[in-house]
Amino acid sequence: MKPAYAIAVGGWGMAPSEFWGLTPAEFYWILDAKKPVQMYGRMSEYEVDEIYQDAYGEEAQS
């Protein structure tokens, strides 16, 4: 719990009361939204994934 609190309150400037009001799912949604986009050359991770899905489909990742 300490690392999550440090990220939200210390890193993002969230009020402690706001942090304690979050559900774990809400925290991870915010964390994911604030994550920088991984780049592969000039393509984002989302563009690479889209091309991969078009070429191989979802079952190929298993």
PDB file of N, CA and C in Angstrom:
ATOM      1  N   MET A   1       0.827  -1.187   0.000  1.00  0.00           N
ATOM      2  CA  MET A   1       0.000   0.000   0.000  1.00  0.00           C
ATOM      3  C   MET A   1       0.873   1.254   0.000  1.00  0.00           C
ATOM      4  N   LYS A   2       2.010   1.189   0.685  1.00  0.00           N
ATOM      5  CA  LYS A   2       2.891   2.350   0.769  1.00  0.00           C
ATOM      6  C   LYS A   2       3.340   2.861  -0.603  1.00  0.00           C
ATOM      7  N   PRO A   3       3.785   1.968  -1.526  1.00  0.00           N
ATOM      8  CA  PRO A   3       4.204   2.465  -2.842  1.00  0.00           C
ATOM      9  C   PRO A   3       3.061   3.141  -3.610  1.00  0.00           C
ATOM     10  N   ALA A   4       1.866   2.589  -3.523  1.00  0.00           N
ATOM     11  CA  ALA A   4       0.725   3.190  -4.229  1.00  0.00           C
ATOM     12  C   ALA A   4       0.422   4.572  -3.671  1.00  0.00           C
ATOM     13  N   TYR A   5       0.460   4.701  -2.359  1.00  0.00           N
ATOM     14  CA  TYR A   5       0.216   5.992  -1.700  1.00  0.00           C
ATOM     15  C   TYR A   5       1.289   6.999  -2.120  1.00  0.00           C
ATOM     16  N   ALA A   6       2.544   6.562  -2.139  1.00  0.00           N
ATOM     17  CA  ALA A   6       3.642   7.446  -2.528  1.00  0.00           C
ATOM     18  C   ALA A   6       3.496   7.919  -3.971  1.00  0.00           C
ATOM     19  N   ILE A   7       3.069   7.034  -4.838  1.00  0.00           N
ATOM     20  CA  ILE A   7       2.875   7.406  -6.246  1.00  0.00           C
ATOM     21  C   ILE A   7       1.750   8.430  -6.370  1.00  0.00           C
ATOM     22  N   ALA A   8       0.604   8.112  -5.778  1.00  0.00           N
ATOM     23  CA  ALA A   8      -0.579   8.967  -5.945  1.00  0.00           C
ATOM     24  C   ALA A   8      -0.430  10.307  -5.242  1.00  0.00           C
ATOM     25  N   VAL A   9      -0.037  10.287  -3.987  1.00  0.00           N
ATOM     26  CA  VAL A   9       0.023  11.524  -3.205  1.00  0.00           C
ATOM     27  C   VAL A   9       1.313  12.286  -3.484  1.00  0.00           C
ATOM     28  N   GLY A  10       2.443  11.575  -3.452  1.00  0.00           N
ATOM     29  CA  GLY A  10       3.728  12.236  -3.669  1.00  0.00           C
ATOM     30  C   GLY A  10       4.003  12.577  -5.118  1.00  0.00           C
ATOM     31  N   GLY A  11       3.703  11.642  -6.002  1.00  0.00           N
ATOM     32  CA  GLY A  11       4.032  11.830  -7.412  1.00  0.00           C
ATOM     33  C   GLY A  11       2.989  12.589  -8.211  1.00  0.00           C
ATOM     34  N   TRP A  12       1.729  12.283  -7.989  1.00  0.00           N
ATOM     35  CA  TRP A  12       0.663  12.903  -8.770  1.00  0.00           C
ATOM     36  C   TRP A  12       0.057  14.111  -8.094  1.00  0.00           C
ATOM     37  N   GLY A  13       0.347  14.317  -6.807  1.00  0.00           N
ATOM     38  CA  GLY A  13      -0.233  15.447  -6.081  1.00  0.00           C
ATOM     39  C   GLY A  13      -1.677  15.227  -5.666  1.00  0.00           C
ATOM     40  N   MET A  14      -2.097  13.976  -5.591  1.00  0.00           N
ATOM     41  CA  MET A  14      -3.468  13.664  -5.175  1.00  0.00           C
ATOM     42  C   MET A  14      -3.602  13.904  -3.675  1.00  0.00           C
ATOM     43  N   ALA A  15      -4.733  14.410  -3.253  1.00  0.00           N
ATOM     44  CA  ALA A  15      -4.986  14.610  -1.824  1.00  0.00           C
ATOM     45  C   ALA A  15      -5.085  13.248  -1.141  1.00  0.00           C
ATOM     46  N   PRO A  16      -4.539  13.124   0.080  1.00  0.00           N
ATOM     47  CA  PRO A  16      -4.626  11.843   0.785  1.00  0.00           C
ATOM     48  C   PRO A  16      -6.063  11.323   0.904  1.00  0.00           C
ATOM     49  N   SER A  17      -7.008  12.202   1.179  1.00  0.00           N
ATOM     50  CA  SER A  17      -8.401  11.755   1.310  1.00  0.00           C
ATOM     51  C   SER A  17      -8.929  11.212  -0.016  1.00  0.00           C
ATOM     52  N   GLU A  18      -8.484  11.807  -1.106  1.00  0.00           N
ATOM     53  CA  GLU A  18      -8.888  11.326  -2.432  1.00  0.00           C
ATOM     54  C   GLU A  18      -8.294   9.935  -2.682  1.00  0.00           C
ATOM     55  N   PHE A  19      -7.027   9.729  -2.295  1.00  0.00           N
ATOM     56  CA  PHE A  19      -6.399   8.423  -2.454  1.00  0.00           C
ATOM     57  C   PHE A  19      -7.157   7.356  -1.681  1.00  0.00           C
ATOM     58  N   TRP A  20      -7.479   7.634  -0.416  1.00  0.00           N
ATOM     59  CA  TRP A  20      -8.146   6.632   0.415  1.00  0.00           C
ATOM     60  C   TRP A  20      -9.574   6.361  -0.049  1.00  0.00           C
ATOM     61  N   GLY A  21     -10.130   7.238  -0.873  1.00  0.00           N
ATOM     62  CA  GLY A  21     -11.465   7.011  -1.414  1.00  0.00           C
ATOM     63  C   GLY A  21     -11.480   6.170  -2.675  1.00  0.00           C
ATOM     64  N   LEU A  22     -10.302   5.911  -3.253  1.00  0.00           N
ATOM     65  CA  LEU A  22     -10.209   5.123  -4.483  1.00  0.00           C
ATOM     66  C   LEU A  22     -10.365   3.628  -4.201  1.00  0.00           C
ATOM     67  N   THR A  23     -10.969   2.928  -5.141  1.00  0.00           N
ATOM     68  CA  THR A  23     -10.927   1.475  -5.096  1.00  0.00           C
ATOM     69  C   THR A  23      -9.612   1.046  -5.750  1.00  0.00           C
ATOM     70  N   PRO A  24      -9.144  -0.174  -5.506  1.00  0.00           N
ATOM     71  CA  PRO A  24      -7.927  -0.622  -6.189  1.00  0.00           C
ATOM     72  C   PRO A  24      -8.047  -0.530  -7.718  1.00  0.00           C
ATOM     73  N   ALA A  25      -9.204  -0.866  -8.253  1.00  0.00           N
ATOM     74  CA  ALA A  25      -9.393  -0.792  -9.708  1.00  0.00           C
ATOM     75  C   ALA A  25      -9.245   0.639 -10.206  1.00  0.00           C
ATOM     76  N   GLU A  26      -9.806   1.599  -9.483  1.00  0.00           N
ATOM     77  CA  GLU A  26      -9.688   3.006  -9.883  1.00  0.00           C
ATOM     78  C   GLU A  26      -8.237   3.464  -9.857  1.00  0.00           C
ATOM     79  N   PHE A  27      -7.494   3.043  -8.835  1.00  0.00           N
ATOM     80  CA  PHE A  27      -6.071   3.401  -8.769  1.00  0.00           C
ATOM     81  C   PHE A  27      -5.334   2.877  -9.999  1.00  0.00           C
ATOM     82  N   TYR A  28      -5.568   1.613 -10.345  1.00  0.00           N
ATOM     83  CA  TYR A  28      -4.858   1.029 -11.482  1.00  0.00           C
ATOM     84  C   TYR A  28      -5.309   1.617 -12.814  1.00  0.00           C
ATOM     85  N   TRP A  29      -6.553   2.065 -12.911  1.00  0.00           N
ATOM     86  CA  TRP A  29      -6.991   2.769 -14.132  1.00  0.00           C
ATOM     87  C   TRP A  29      -6.222   4.075 -14.285  1.00  0.00           C
ATOM     88  N   ILE A  30      -6.091   4.810 -13.189  1.00  0.00           N
ATOM     89  CA  ILE A  30      -5.345   6.073 -13.230  1.00  0.00           C
ATOM     90  C   ILE A  30      -3.879   5.801 -13.541  1.00  0.00           C
ATOM     91  N   LEU A  31      -3.314   4.802 -12.883  1.00  0.00           N
ATOM     92  CA  LEU A  31      -1.918   4.432 -13.120  1.00  0.00           C
ATOM     93  C   LEU A  31      -1.687   4.105 -14.588  1.00  0.00           C
ATOM     94  N   ASP A  32      -2.577   3.324 -15.170  1.00  0.00           N
ATOM     95  CA  ASP A  32      -2.452   2.954 -16.578  1.00  0.00           C
ATOM     96  C   ASP A  32      -2.592   4.171 -17.491  1.00  0.00           C
ATOM     97  N   ALA A  33      -3.509   5.069 -17.149  1.00  0.00           N
ATOM     98  CA  ALA A  33      -3.722   6.270 -17.966  1.00  0.00           C
ATOM     99  C   ALA A  33      -2.515   7.205 -17.929  1.00  0.00           C
ATOM    100  N   LYS A  34      -1.794   7.215 -16.826  1.00  0.00           N
ATOM    101  CA  LYS A  34      -0.640   8.101 -16.682  1.00  0.00           C
ATOM    102  C   LYS A  34       0.661   7.478 -17.179  1.00  0.00           C
ATOM    103  N   LYS A  35       0.605   6.206 -17.534  1.00  0.00           N
ATOM    104  CA  LYS A  35       1.800   5.510 -18.016  1.00  0.00           C
ATOM    105  C   LYS A  35       2.214   6.085 -19.375  1.00  0.00           C
ATOM    106  N   PRO A  36       3.492   6.420 -19.528  1.00  0.00           N
ATOM    107  CA  PRO A  36       3.925   6.927 -20.834  1.00  0.00           C
ATOM    108  C   PRO A  36       3.781   5.858 -21.917  1.00  0.00           C
ATOM    109  N   VAL A  37       3.495   6.282 -23.110  1.00  0.00           N
ATOM    110  CA  VAL A  37       3.329   5.359 -24.233  1.00  0.00           C
ATOM    111  C   VAL A  37       4.701   4.863 -24.675  1.00  0.00           C
ATOM    112  N   GLN A  38       4.838   3.549 -24.777  1.00  0.00           N
ATOM    113  CA  GLN A  38       6.077   2.927 -25.255  1.00  0.00           C
ATOM    114  C   GLN A  38       6.172   3.161 -26.756  1.00  0.00           C
ATOM    115  N   MET A  39       7.324   3.602 -27.216  1.00  0.00           N
ATOM    116  CA  MET A  39       7.514   3.839 -28.639  1.00  0.00           C
ATOM    117  C   MET A  39       8.494   2.823 -29.214  1.00  0.00           C
ATOM    118  N   TYR A  40       8.192   2.371 -30.425  1.00  0.00           N
ATOM    119  CA  TYR A  40       9.053   1.466 -31.183  1.00  0.00           C
ATOM    120  C   TYR A  40       9.377   2.185 -32.482  1.00  0.00           C
ATOM    121  N   GLY A  41      10.516   2.863 -32.509  1.00  0.00           N
ATOM    122  CA  GLY A  41      10.814   3.730 -33.641  1.00  0.00           C
ATOM    123  C   GLY A  41       9.840   4.886 -33.622  1.00  0.00           C
ATOM    124  N   ARG A  42       9.088   5.058 -34.695  1.00  0.00           N
ATOM    125  CA  ARG A  42       8.076   6.119 -34.756  1.00  0.00           C
ATOM    126  C   ARG A  42       6.677   5.614 -34.439  1.00  0.00           C
ATOM    127  N   MET A  43       6.571   4.338 -34.092  1.00  0.00           N
ATOM    128  CA  MET A  43       5.252   3.745 -33.841  1.00  0.00           C
ATOM    129  C   MET A  43       5.015   3.559 -32.350  1.00  0.00           C
ATOM    130  N   SER A  44       3.781   3.850 -31.927  1.00  0.00           N
ATOM    131  CA  SER A  44       3.424   3.631 -30.522  1.00  0.00           C
ATOM    132  C   SER A  44       3.156   2.150 -30.295  1.00  0.00           C
ATOM    133  N   GLU A  45       3.145   1.752 -29.026  1.00  0.00           N
ATOM    134  CA  GLU A  45       2.854   0.358 -28.699  1.00  0.00           C
ATOM    135  C   GLU A  45       1.474  -0.041 -29.196  1.00  0.00           C
ATOM    136  N   TYR A  46       0.542   0.914 -29.262  1.00  0.00           N
ATOM    137  CA  TYR A  46      -0.811   0.631 -29.728  1.00  0.00           C
ATOM    138  C   TYR A  46      -0.820   0.353 -31.235  1.00  0.00           C
ATOM    139  N   GLU A  47      -0.023   1.111 -31.980  1.00  0.00           N
ATOM    140  CA  GLU A  47       0.059   0.885 -33.427  1.00  0.00           C
ATOM    141  C   GLU A  47       0.716  -0.468 -33.722  1.00  0.00           C
ATOM    142  N   VAL A  48       1.768  -0.785 -32.985  1.00  0.00           N
ATOM    143  CA  VAL A  48       2.444  -2.071 -33.166  1.00  0.00           C
ATOM    144  C   VAL A  48       1.486  -3.211 -32.840  1.00  0.00           C
ATOM    145  N   ASP A  49       0.744  -3.077 -31.746  1.00  0.00           N
ATOM    146  CA  ASP A  49      -0.208  -4.122 -31.359  1.00  0.00           C
ATOM    147  C   ASP A  49      -1.295  -4.296 -32.415  1.00  0.00           C
ATOM    148  N   GLU A  50      -1.762  -3.199 -32.969  1.00  0.00           N
ATOM    149  CA  GLU A  50      -2.800  -3.272 -34.002  1.00  0.00           C
ATOM    150  C   GLU A  50      -2.294  -4.032 -35.231  1.00  0.00           C
ATOM    151  N   ILE A  51      -1.073  -3.741 -35.658  1.00  0.00           N
ATOM    152  CA  ILE A  51      -0.488  -4.440 -36.800  1.00  0.00           C
ATOM    153  C   ILE A  51      -0.306  -5.926 -36.481  1.00  0.00           C
ATOM    154  N   TYR A  52       0.158  -6.215 -35.263  1.00  0.00           N
ATOM    155  CA  TYR A  52       0.343  -7.605 -34.841  1.00  0.00           C
ATOM    156  C   TYR A  52      -0.980  -8.354 -34.860  1.00  0.00           C
ATOM    157  N   GLN A  53      -2.033  -7.725 -34.321  1.00  0.00           N
ATOM    158  CA  GLN A  53      -3.350  -8.375 -34.288  1.00  0.00           C
ATOM    159  C   GLN A  53      -3.868  -8.624 -35.697  1.00  0.00           C
ATOM    160  N   ASP A  54      -3.661  -7.665 -36.595  1.00  0.00           N
ATOM    161  CA  ASP A  54      -4.090  -7.844 -37.979  1.00  0.00           C
ATOM    162  C   ASP A  54      -3.349  -9.003 -38.640  1.00  0.00           C
ATOM    163  N   ALA A  55      -2.067  -9.155 -38.305  1.00  0.00           N
ATOM    164  CA  ALA A  55      -1.253 -10.184 -38.946  1.00  0.00           C
ATOM    165  C   ALA A  55      -1.459 -11.570 -38.339  1.00  0.00           C
ATOM    166  N   TYR A  56      -1.556 -11.640 -37.001  1.00  0.00           N
ATOM    167  CA  TYR A  56      -1.556 -12.942 -36.333  1.00  0.00           C
ATOM    168  C   TYR A  56      -2.819 -13.266 -35.547  1.00  0.00           C
ATOM    169  N   GLY A  57      -3.629 -12.267 -35.215  1.00  0.00           N
ATOM    170  CA  GLY A  57      -4.809 -12.510 -34.413  1.00  0.00           C
ATOM    171  C   GLY A  57      -4.468 -12.600 -32.925  1.00  0.00           C
ATOM    172  N   GLU A  58      -5.485 -12.600 -32.105  1.00  0.00           N
ATOM    173  CA  GLU A  58      -5.272 -12.595 -30.666  1.00  0.00           C
ATOM    174  C   GLU A  58      -4.737 -13.910 -30.129  1.00  0.00           C
ATOM    175  N   GLU A  59      -5.116 -15.025 -30.716  1.00  0.00           N
ATOM    176  CA  GLU A  59      -4.690 -16.317 -30.187  1.00  0.00           C
ATOM    177  C   GLU A  59      -3.189 -16.555 -30.332  1.00  0.00           C
ATOM    178  N   ALA A  60      -2.519 -15.800 -31.185  1.00  0.00           N
ATOM    179  CA  ALA A  60      -1.089 -15.975 -31.390  1.00  0.00           C
ATOM    180  C   ALA A  60      -0.272 -15.501 -30.209  1.00  0.00           C
ATOM    181  N   GLN A  61      -0.815 -14.672 -29.327  1.00  0.00           N
ATOM    182  CA  GLN A  61      -0.057 -14.147 -28.193  1.00  0.00           C
ATOM    183  C   GLN A  61       0.024 -15.150 -27.052  1.00  0.00           C
ATOM    184  N   SER A  62      -0.771 -16.179 -27.026  1.00  0.00           N
ATOM    185  CA  SER A  62      -0.778 -17.147 -25.915  1.00  0.00           C
ATOM    186  C   SER A  62       0.474 -17.965 -25.857  1.00  0.00           C
TER     187      SER A  62
END
